[in-house]
């Protein structure tokens, strides 16, 4: 089971979205969490100062197009708050840099107020 999750997490972008239909929300969260852990930079403490993404990343764990396609084809996976915290938050901060001119003002408010 762990080997399967590692392979899926490593190559998640290569699988077509319908392949994720059999996964339960908890399994989906564990796959994304594993990908998150696998892709965390080794020197996160120094990298964290240079960008606004979690874990010192330069790019989100998954591209927004990939995650959107998976969630569109599998609506039962789109309700995961853990994936929202791990991936979507970084996608937004990657596209709209903090303090940048293109960042919509609403993104400065806490997530709880936006939902």
Foldseek 3Di string as FASTA:
>chain_A
DVVVLLVCLVPVLVDQLVVCQVDALVSVLVSLVNLLVVPQDPPQVVLVVVAPAPNSDLAASDAPVSVVRNCVNHVNNVVDVSCCVRGVVRNLCNVPPVVDPPRDPVVVDDPVVVD
